[in-house]
Protein backbone atom coordinates (compact mmCIF):
# COMPACT_ATOMS: atom_id res chain seq x y z
CA MET A 1 30.37 37.15 -61.26
CA ASP A 2 28.38 36.90 -58.02
CA ALA A 3 27.22 33.35 -57.13
CA PHE A 4 23.64 34.62 -57.00
CA ASP A 5 23.75 36.18 -60.49
CA ARG A 6 22.58 32.92 -62.07
CA PHE A 7 19.48 33.02 -59.82
CA ARG A 8 18.39 36.56 -60.65
CA LEU A 9 15.11 36.92 -62.50
CA LYS A 10 16.57 39.39 -65.03
CA GLY A 11 13.25 40.63 -66.41
CA ARG A 12 11.40 37.33 -66.10
CA THR A 13 7.94 37.01 -64.59
CA ALA A 14 7.38 34.45 -61.83
CA LEU A 15 4.03 33.13 -60.60
CA VAL A 16 3.80 31.56 -57.13
CA THR A 17 0.57 29.78 -56.20
CA GLY A 18 -0.34 29.47 -52.53
CA ALA A 19 1.78 32.50 -51.68
CA ARG A 20 -0.42 33.84 -48.91
CA ARG A 21 1.56 32.21 -46.12
CA GLU A 22 4.38 29.93 -45.03
CA ILE A 23 6.44 28.26 -47.78
CA GLY A 24 4.69 30.01 -50.68
CA ARG A 25 5.16 33.42 -49.08
CA ALA A 26 8.84 32.70 -48.41
CA ILE A 27 9.36 31.56 -52.01
CA ALA A 28 7.65 34.69 -53.34
CA LEU A 29 9.76 36.94 -51.12
CA VAL A 30 12.99 35.25 -52.22
CA LEU A 31 11.98 35.56 -55.88
CA ALA A 32 11.05 39.20 -55.33
CA SER A 33 14.49 39.84 -53.81
CA ALA A 34 16.20 38.22 -56.82
CA GLY A 35 16.03 41.59 -58.54
CA ASP A 36 15.12 42.83 -62.01
CA GLY A 37 12.11 40.50 -62.22
CA LYS A 38 8.40 40.56 -61.57
CA VAL A 39 6.62 38.25 -59.13
CA SER A 40 2.90 37.54 -59.23
CA LEU A 41 1.31 35.95 -56.21
CA VAL A 42 -1.80 33.82 -56.11
CA ALA A 43 -3.28 34.01 -52.63
CA GLY A 44 -6.57 34.29 -50.87
CA VAL A 45 -6.41 38.05 -50.43
CA THR A 46 -6.95 41.00 -52.69
CA ALA A 47 -4.40 43.72 -53.37
CA ASP A 48 -1.74 43.47 -56.03
CA LEU A 49 -2.23 39.74 -55.78
CA TYR A 50 -4.32 37.39 -57.90
CA ARG A 51 -7.01 35.25 -56.35
CA ALA A 52 -7.86 32.07 -58.25
CA ASP A 53 -9.08 28.56 -57.63
CA VAL A 54 -6.20 26.55 -59.08
CA THR A 55 -8.56 23.61 -59.67
CA ASP A 56 -10.76 25.68 -62.01
CA SER A 57 -9.38 25.97 -65.56
CA ALA A 58 -11.44 29.09 -66.34
CA GLU A 59 -10.02 30.86 -63.29
CA ILE A 60 -6.50 29.78 -64.23
CA ASP A 61 -6.97 31.15 -67.76
CA GLY A 62 -8.28 34.43 -66.36
CA MET A 63 -5.42 34.64 -63.88
CA PHE A 64 -2.80 34.14 -66.60
CA MET A 65 -4.46 36.72 -68.85
CA GLY A 66 -4.45 39.25 -66.00
CA ILE A 67 -0.83 38.58 -65.12
CA GLU A 68 0.27 38.79 -68.75
CA ARG A 69 -1.64 42.05 -69.21
CA MET A 70 0.04 43.59 -66.14
CA LEU A 71 3.49 41.98 -66.07
CA GLY A 72 4.07 40.16 -69.34
CA GLU A 73 4.32 36.48 -70.17
CA VAL A 74 4.88 34.14 -67.22
CA ASP A 75 8.32 32.50 -67.38
CA ILE A 76 8.46 30.73 -64.00
CA VAL A 77 5.66 28.92 -62.17
CA VAL A 78 6.02 27.68 -58.61
CA VAL A 79 3.12 25.32 -57.89
CA ASN A 80 2.68 25.57 -54.14
CA ALA A 81 -1.08 25.79 -53.53
CA THR A 82 -2.72 23.04 -51.51
CA PRO A 83 -6.21 22.59 -50.12
CA GLU A 84 -6.84 22.90 -46.39
CA GLN A 85 -5.31 19.96 -44.54
CA PRO A 86 -6.51 19.82 -40.95
CA GLN A 87 -4.02 18.22 -38.59
CA ARG A 88 -5.61 15.15 -37.02
CA PRO A 89 -4.90 11.44 -36.62
CA ILE A 90 -5.15 9.57 -39.92
CA GLU A 91 -8.01 7.40 -38.72
CA ASP A 92 -10.13 10.55 -38.20
CA TYR A 93 -10.14 11.49 -41.91
CA ASP A 94 -13.16 10.40 -43.93
CA TRP A 95 -13.38 9.45 -47.60
CA ALA A 96 -14.57 12.94 -48.58
CA PHE A 97 -11.27 14.34 -47.33
CA TYR A 98 -9.24 11.82 -49.32
CA GLN A 99 -11.36 12.46 -52.42
CA GLN A 100 -10.70 16.19 -52.06
CA MET A 101 -6.95 15.49 -51.94
CA LEU A 102 -7.14 13.24 -55.00
CA ASP A 103 -9.20 15.76 -56.95
CA PHE A 104 -6.81 18.58 -56.08
CA PHE A 105 -3.49 16.89 -56.66
CA VAL A 106 -4.38 14.55 -59.53
């Protein structure tokens, strides 16, 4: 038995949010290379991907219905989406920014 056999998707469906770039994209590509599985990506582009606001329950419901219709029931969810986080000194952020972070993550 290959050491990677236990990590193969074997017919499972994986959903990766925030898969448009960086870590999310890398996770999606690794899952896609795990073989015999299906990977659904949630990103800010259109193609064979799903676009959804992960803070909107109606969009999440619609996204899951679309994925299940195309690929089957979702077995694995990788929650990777984050809101925009501009890189600046902490003292330059205002309360609206912190409220956005709280609303998104909590």
